[in-house]
N, C-alpha and C. Protein backbone atom coordinates (compact mmCIF):
# COMPACT_ATOMS: atom_id res chain seq x y z
N UNK A 1 -158.71 -73.40 35.08
CA UNK A 1 -158.92 -72.96 36.41
C UNK A 1 -159.58 -71.95 35.91
N UNK A 2 -160.62 -71.11 36.83
CA UNK A 2 -161.34 -70.21 36.94
C UNK A 2 -160.40 -69.02 37.61
N UNK A 3 -160.42 -67.71 36.77
CA UNK A 3 -159.64 -66.87 37.51
C UNK A 3 -160.05 -66.20 38.57
N UNK A 4 -160.88 -66.46 39.01
CA UNK A 4 -161.36 -65.81 40.27
C UNK A 4 -160.86 -67.26 41.29
N UNK A 5 -161.19 -68.10 41.12
CA UNK A 5 -160.39 -69.22 41.88
C UNK A 5 -158.69 -69.15 41.95
N UNK A 6 -158.43 -68.70 40.86
CA UNK A 6 -156.51 -68.51 41.16
C UNK A 6 -156.58 -67.63 41.96
N UNK A 7 -157.13 -66.46 42.14
CA UNK A 7 -157.04 -65.30 42.77
C UNK A 7 -157.00 -65.89 44.33
N UNK A 8 -158.11 -66.58 44.59
CA UNK A 8 -158.36 -67.08 45.63
C UNK A 8 -157.25 -68.33 46.37
N UNK A 9 -156.70 -68.83 45.14
CA UNK A 9 -155.15 -69.63 45.96
C UNK A 9 -154.14 -68.76 46.11
N UNK A 10 -154.15 -67.79 45.26
CA UNK A 10 -152.90 -66.88 45.51
C UNK A 10 -152.87 -66.13 47.12
N UNK A 11 -154.59 -65.80 47.13
CA UNK A 11 -154.73 -65.32 48.42
C UNK A 11 -154.40 -66.35 49.47
N UNK A 12 -154.36 -67.30 49.37
CA UNK A 12 -154.17 -68.73 50.40
C UNK A 12 -152.88 -68.79 50.32
N UNK A 13 -152.24 -68.66 49.58
CA UNK A 13 -150.92 -68.72 49.39
C UNK A 13 -149.69 -67.68 50.21
N UNK A 14 -150.73 -66.49 49.96
CA UNK A 14 -149.86 -65.22 50.38
C UNK A 14 -150.31 -65.47 51.96
N UNK A 15 -151.29 -65.76 52.17
CA UNK A 15 -151.62 -65.61 53.77
C UNK A 15 -150.83 -66.83 54.49
N UNK A 16 -150.55 -67.73 53.77
CA UNK A 16 -149.78 -68.94 54.59
C UNK A 16 -148.21 -68.62 54.48
N UNK A 17 -147.91 -68.12 53.56
CA UNK A 17 -146.33 -67.64 53.35
C UNK A 17 -146.04 -66.33 54.37
N UNK A 18 -147.32 -65.09 54.52
CA UNK A 18 -147.13 -64.15 55.59
C UNK A 18 -147.21 -65.13 56.76
N UNK A 19 -147.83 -65.90 57.23
CA UNK A 19 -148.05 -66.73 58.74
C UNK A 19 -146.71 -67.09 59.32
N UNK A 20 -146.25 -67.62 58.25
CA UNK A 20 -144.54 -68.19 58.57
C UNK A 20 -143.59 -67.06 58.58
N UNK A 21 -143.61 -65.99 58.05
CA UNK A 21 -142.85 -65.28 57.97
C UNK A 21 -143.10 -64.38 59.57
N UNK A 22 -144.02 -64.62 60.49
CA UNK A 22 -144.30 -64.04 61.44
C UNK A 22 -143.58 -64.82 62.59
N UNK A 23 -143.72 -66.50 62.33
CA UNK A 23 -142.82 -67.04 63.33
C UNK A 23 -141.46 -67.42 63.22
N UNK A 24 -141.20 -66.89 61.76
CA UNK A 24 -139.66 -66.69 61.73
C UNK A 24 -138.90 -66.65 62.82
N UNK A 25 -137.85 -67.27 63.58
CA UNK A 25 -137.14 -67.40 64.77
C UNK A 25 -138.03 -66.97 66.02
N UNK A 26 -139.18 -67.31 66.04
CA UNK A 26 -139.90 -67.34 67.27
C UNK A 26 -140.30 -68.93 67.65
N UNK A 27 -140.53 -69.07 69.19
CA UNK A 27 -140.78 -70.11 69.64
C UNK A 27 -142.19 -70.45 70.07
N UNK A 28 -142.66 -71.18 70.06
CA UNK A 28 -144.28 -71.65 70.85
C UNK A 28 -144.24 -70.44 71.83
N UNK A 29 -143.58 -70.05 72.91
CA UNK A 29 -143.71 -69.49 73.94
C UNK A 29 -144.09 -68.29 73.97
N UNK A 30 -143.67 -67.40 72.52
CA UNK A 30 -143.82 -66.30 72.29
C UNK A 30 -145.19 -66.30 72.18
N UNK A 31 -146.15 -67.25 71.82
CA UNK A 31 -147.40 -66.83 71.48
C UNK A 31 -148.52 -66.46 73.00
N UNK A 32 -147.50 -66.56 73.86
CA UNK A 32 -148.04 -66.48 75.68
C UNK A 32 -147.70 -65.47 75.91
N UNK A 33 -146.92 -64.63 75.62
CA UNK A 33 -146.50 -63.44 75.39
C UNK A 33 -146.86 -62.39 74.50
N UNK A 34 -146.80 -62.43 73.63
CA UNK A 34 -147.05 -61.59 72.22
C UNK A 34 -148.52 -61.86 71.58
N UNK A 35 -149.32 -60.92 71.85
CA UNK A 35 -150.74 -60.67 71.70
C UNK A 35 -150.55 -60.30 70.16
N UNK A 36 -149.65 -59.72 69.53
CA UNK A 36 -149.82 -59.19 68.30
C UNK A 36 -149.53 -60.63 67.46
N UNK A 37 -148.73 -61.58 68.33
CA UNK A 37 -148.10 -62.45 67.05
C UNK A 37 -149.18 -63.43 67.38
N UNK A 38 -149.86 -63.49 68.30
CA UNK A 38 -151.41 -64.33 67.95
C UNK A 38 -152.56 -63.91 67.08
N UNK A 39 -153.01 -62.38 67.23
CA UNK A 39 -153.45 -61.81 66.41
C UNK A 39 -153.28 -61.44 64.91
N UNK A 40 -152.09 -61.63 64.80
CA UNK A 40 -151.34 -61.83 63.27
C UNK A 40 -151.41 -63.40 62.49
N UNK A 41 -151.27 -64.03 63.37
CA UNK A 41 -151.42 -65.63 63.05
C UNK A 41 -153.18 -66.33 62.92
N UNK A 42 -153.68 -65.47 63.80
CA UNK A 42 -155.17 -65.83 63.90
C UNK A 42 -155.74 -65.12 62.49
N UNK A 43 -155.43 -63.90 61.78
CA UNK A 43 -155.70 -62.96 60.77
C UNK A 43 -155.35 -63.75 59.58
N UNK A 44 -154.27 -64.30 59.47
CA UNK A 44 -153.77 -65.01 58.16
C UNK A 44 -154.09 -66.13 58.07
N UNK A 45 -154.36 -66.86 59.24
CA UNK A 45 -155.16 -68.50 59.20
C UNK A 45 -156.79 -68.04 58.78
N UNK A 46 -157.07 -67.14 59.19
CA UNK A 46 -158.43 -67.01 58.93
C UNK A 46 -158.75 -66.59 57.05
N UNK A 47 -157.92 -65.75 56.73
CA UNK A 47 -157.76 -65.02 55.35
C UNK A 47 -157.81 -66.61 54.64
N UNK A 48 -156.73 -67.49 54.72
CA UNK A 48 -156.37 -68.77 54.32
C UNK A 48 -157.92 -69.69 54.02
N UNK A 49 -158.28 -69.94 54.98
CA UNK A 49 -159.89 -70.17 55.30
C UNK A 49 -160.74 -69.69 54.62
N UNK A 50 -161.23 -68.28 54.85
CA UNK A 50 -162.06 -67.83 54.00
C UNK A 50 -161.85 -67.40 52.44
N UNK A 51 -160.50 -67.82 52.04
CA UNK A 51 -160.44 -67.79 50.45
C UNK A 51 -160.64 -69.32 50.18
N UNK A 52 -159.94 -70.41 50.96
CA UNK A 52 -160.50 -71.58 50.79
C UNK A 52 -161.67 -71.85 50.54
N UNK A 53 -162.81 -71.30 51.50
CA UNK A 53 -164.29 -71.46 51.19
C UNK A 53 -164.71 -70.95 49.87
N UNK A 54 -164.07 -69.92 49.45
CA UNK A 54 -164.73 -69.52 47.82
C UNK A 54 -163.93 -69.99 46.98
N UNK A 55 -163.26 -71.18 46.87
CA UNK A 55 -162.76 -71.59 45.64
C UNK A 55 -164.10 -72.90 45.50
N UNK A 56 -164.23 -72.78 44.03
CA UNK A 56 -165.25 -73.51 43.54
C UNK A 56 -164.75 -75.00 43.77
N UNK A 57 -165.97 -76.01 43.74
CA UNK A 57 -165.61 -77.34 44.12
C UNK A 57 -165.01 -77.90 42.95
N UNK A 58 -165.33 -77.62 41.53
CA UNK A 58 -164.53 -77.77 40.39
C UNK A 58 -162.97 -77.75 40.61
N UNK A 59 -162.36 -76.64 41.23
CA UNK A 59 -161.08 -76.54 41.41
C UNK A 59 -160.55 -77.17 42.41
N UNK A 60 -161.23 -77.40 43.45
CA UNK A 60 -160.86 -78.35 44.67
C UNK A 60 -160.76 -79.80 44.07
N UNK A 61 -161.92 -80.25 43.09
CA UNK A 61 -161.52 -81.78 42.68
C UNK A 61 -160.57 -81.68 41.46
N UNK A 62 -160.15 -80.63 41.21
CA UNK A 62 -158.73 -80.77 40.50
C UNK A 62 -157.35 -80.58 41.31
N UNK A 63 -157.52 -80.33 42.60
CA UNK A 63 -156.41 -80.47 43.27
C UNK A 63 -156.57 -81.03 44.52
N UNK A 64 -156.71 -82.34 44.64
CA UNK A 64 -157.14 -82.96 45.52
C UNK A 64 -155.99 -82.94 46.75
N UNK A 65 -154.77 -82.54 46.96
CA UNK A 65 -154.05 -82.66 47.67
C UNK A 65 -154.23 -81.28 48.80
N UNK A 66 -155.15 -80.90 48.68
CA UNK A 66 -155.00 -79.77 49.67
C UNK A 66 -156.14 -80.09 51.03
N UNK A 67 -156.19 -79.99 51.97
CA UNK A 67 -157.33 -80.63 52.67
C UNK A 67 -158.21 -79.28 52.94
N UNK A 68 -159.26 -79.24 52.26
CA UNK A 68 -159.94 -78.01 51.68
C UNK A 68 -160.77 -78.01 53.33
N UNK A 69 -161.26 -79.10 53.37
CA UNK A 69 -162.47 -78.82 54.44
C UNK A 69 -161.83 -78.94 55.82
N UNK A 70 -160.83 -79.12 55.99
CA UNK A 70 -159.70 -78.77 57.52
C UNK A 70 -159.63 -77.30 57.53
N UNK A 71 -159.35 -76.82 56.27
CA UNK A 71 -158.72 -75.19 56.52
C UNK A 71 -160.03 -74.51 56.53
N UNK A 72 -161.15 -74.72 55.77
CA UNK A 72 -162.42 -74.16 56.33
C UNK A 72 -162.75 -73.96 57.49
N UNK A 73 -162.64 -75.41 58.42
CA UNK A 73 -163.20 -75.70 59.84
C UNK A 73 -162.28 -74.93 60.34
N UNK A 74 -160.82 -74.70 60.14
CA UNK A 74 -160.11 -74.04 60.79
C UNK A 74 -160.56 -72.58 61.05
N UNK A 75 -161.18 -72.18 60.02
CA UNK A 75 -161.27 -70.70 59.69
C UNK A 75 -162.71 -70.10 60.62
N UNK A 76 -163.63 -71.40 60.37
CA UNK A 76 -165.11 -71.24 61.20
C UNK A 76 -164.27 -71.13 62.78
N UNK A 77 -163.54 -72.09 63.22
CA UNK A 77 -163.16 -72.38 64.56
C UNK A 77 -162.80 -70.87 65.19
N UNK A 78 -162.08 -70.42 64.61
CA UNK A 78 -161.05 -69.18 64.54
C UNK A 78 -161.83 -67.96 64.85
N UNK A 79 -162.82 -68.07 63.61
CA UNK A 79 -163.80 -66.97 63.79
C UNK A 79 -164.98 -66.84 64.88
N UNK A 80 -165.24 -68.21 65.23
CA UNK A 80 -166.49 -68.17 66.04
C UNK A 80 -166.02 -68.84 67.41
N UNK A 81 -164.83 -68.92 67.73
CA UNK A 81 -164.61 -69.27 68.66
C UNK A 81 -163.63 -68.60 69.36
N UNK A 82 -163.13 -67.26 68.87
CA UNK A 82 -161.99 -66.39 69.08
C UNK A 82 -161.58 -66.47 70.43
N UNK A 83 -162.55 -66.51 71.53
CA UNK A 83 -162.42 -66.25 72.67
C UNK A 83 -161.90 -67.62 73.43
N UNK A 84 -161.59 -68.14 72.65
CA UNK A 84 -161.42 -69.68 73.14
C UNK A 84 -159.82 -70.57 72.22
N UNK A 85 -159.14 -69.73 71.66
CA UNK A 85 -158.34 -70.59 71.46
C UNK A 85 -157.25 -71.00 71.53
N UNK A 86 -157.18 -72.68 70.83
CA UNK A 86 -155.98 -73.41 71.49
C UNK A 86 -154.60 -73.02 71.26
N UNK A 87 -153.83 -72.43 71.95
CA UNK A 87 -152.53 -71.59 71.17
C UNK A 87 -151.87 -72.66 70.84
N UNK A 88 -151.95 -73.86 71.23
CA UNK A 88 -150.79 -75.10 70.94
C UNK A 88 -151.24 -75.24 69.49
N UNK A 89 -152.48 -75.52 69.77
CA UNK A 89 -152.93 -75.68 67.89
C UNK A 89 -152.51 -75.00 67.22
N UNK A 90 -152.80 -73.60 67.54
CA UNK A 90 -152.57 -72.37 66.36
C UNK A 90 -150.84 -72.61 65.90
N UNK A 91 -150.42 -72.84 66.92
CA UNK A 91 -148.73 -72.98 66.76
C UNK A 91 -148.28 -74.05 65.67
N UNK A 92 -149.14 -75.31 65.88
CA UNK A 92 -148.75 -76.85 65.35
C UNK A 92 -149.42 -76.36 63.85
N UNK A 93 -150.41 -75.83 63.88
CA UNK A 93 -151.18 -75.44 62.45
C UNK A 93 -149.85 -74.86 61.38
N UNK A 94 -149.59 -73.64 61.84
CA UNK A 94 -148.39 -72.61 61.45
C UNK A 94 -147.14 -73.79 60.98
N UNK A 95 -146.48 -74.17 61.93
CA UNK A 95 -145.65 -75.22 62.13
C UNK A 95 -145.49 -76.20 61.08
N UNK A 96 -146.67 -77.19 61.28
CA UNK A 96 -146.57 -78.69 60.42
C UNK A 96 -147.64 -78.41 59.24
N UNK A 97 -148.87 -77.47 59.11
CA UNK A 97 -149.59 -77.60 58.10
C UNK A 97 -149.41 -76.38 57.04
N UNK A 98 -148.92 -75.41 57.37
CA UNK A 98 -148.81 -74.08 56.19
C UNK A 98 -147.70 -74.37 55.63
N UNK A 99 -146.11 -74.96 55.94
CA UNK A 99 -145.30 -75.58 55.18
C UNK A 99 -145.96 -76.24 53.64
N UNK A 100 -146.29 -77.69 54.03
CA UNK A 100 -146.75 -78.43 52.62
C UNK A 100 -148.08 -77.40 52.06
N UNK A 101 -149.08 -76.91 52.62
CA UNK A 101 -149.77 -76.04 51.89
C UNK A 101 -149.01 -74.99 50.95
N UNK A 102 -148.01 -74.42 51.34
CA UNK A 102 -147.53 -73.39 50.48
C UNK A 102 -146.75 -74.21 49.57
N UNK A 103 -146.22 -75.18 49.88
CA UNK A 103 -145.54 -76.07 48.50
C UNK A 103 -146.64 -76.58 47.66
N UNK A 104 -147.95 -76.93 48.08
CA UNK A 104 -149.07 -77.37 47.26
C UNK A 104 -149.45 -76.36 46.24
N UNK A 105 -149.60 -75.34 46.96
CA UNK A 105 -150.44 -74.04 46.31
C UNK A 105 -149.22 -73.21 45.16
N UNK A 106 -147.65 -73.70 45.54
CA UNK A 106 -146.74 -72.63 44.71
C UNK A 106 -146.91 -73.49 43.35
N UNK A 107 -147.09 -75.37 43.74
CA UNK A 107 -146.95 -76.12 42.39
C UNK A 107 -148.40 -75.39 41.71
N UNK A 108 -149.12 -75.43 42.06
CA UNK A 108 -150.69 -75.26 41.66
C UNK A 108 -150.34 -74.12 40.88
N UNK A 109 -150.53 -72.91 41.38
CA UNK A 109 -150.20 -71.74 40.76
C UNK A 109 -149.15 -71.88 39.87
N UNK A 110 -147.86 -72.07 39.57
CA UNK A 110 -146.85 -72.55 38.37
C UNK A 110 -147.37 -73.23 37.60
N UNK A 111 -148.59 -74.31 37.58
CA UNK A 111 -148.69 -74.91 36.78
C UNK A 111 -149.79 -74.02 35.77
N UNK A 112 -150.83 -73.21 36.65
CA UNK A 112 -151.99 -72.14 35.96
C UNK A 112 -151.03 -70.98 35.69
N UNK A 113 -149.78 -70.96 35.48
CA UNK A 113 -149.41 -69.74 35.12
C UNK A 113 -150.44 -68.79 34.16
N UNK A 114 -150.54 -67.61 34.37
CA UNK A 114 -151.50 -66.93 32.86
C UNK A 114 -150.09 -66.84 32.23
N UNK A 115 -151.02 -66.48 30.69
CA UNK A 115 -149.66 -66.04 29.63
C UNK A 115 -149.36 -66.99 28.68
């Protein structure tokens, strides 16, 4: 795997873990009253999406279990429709989609350990 792709996968992993840490002991209703939580989650998912966008096609082909296009699409939605973010979708993304992404990335990064 190319070095820059490994770095991008690490950024995806870090962003996903960070977003998950933001919602520990939180509930969906917290998004309605905590603007900082919303902004933190949006930014973390934007970072995941931007890093995903930068991963080469060859690495994407090597790691087929990651929904590459869905992640990039979510990033585009958050960046370009920032004024119309559906908080239910944001919450479901963090709760349902990020844990398996973290697991997949953890496995890929462990296999590709430098050294």
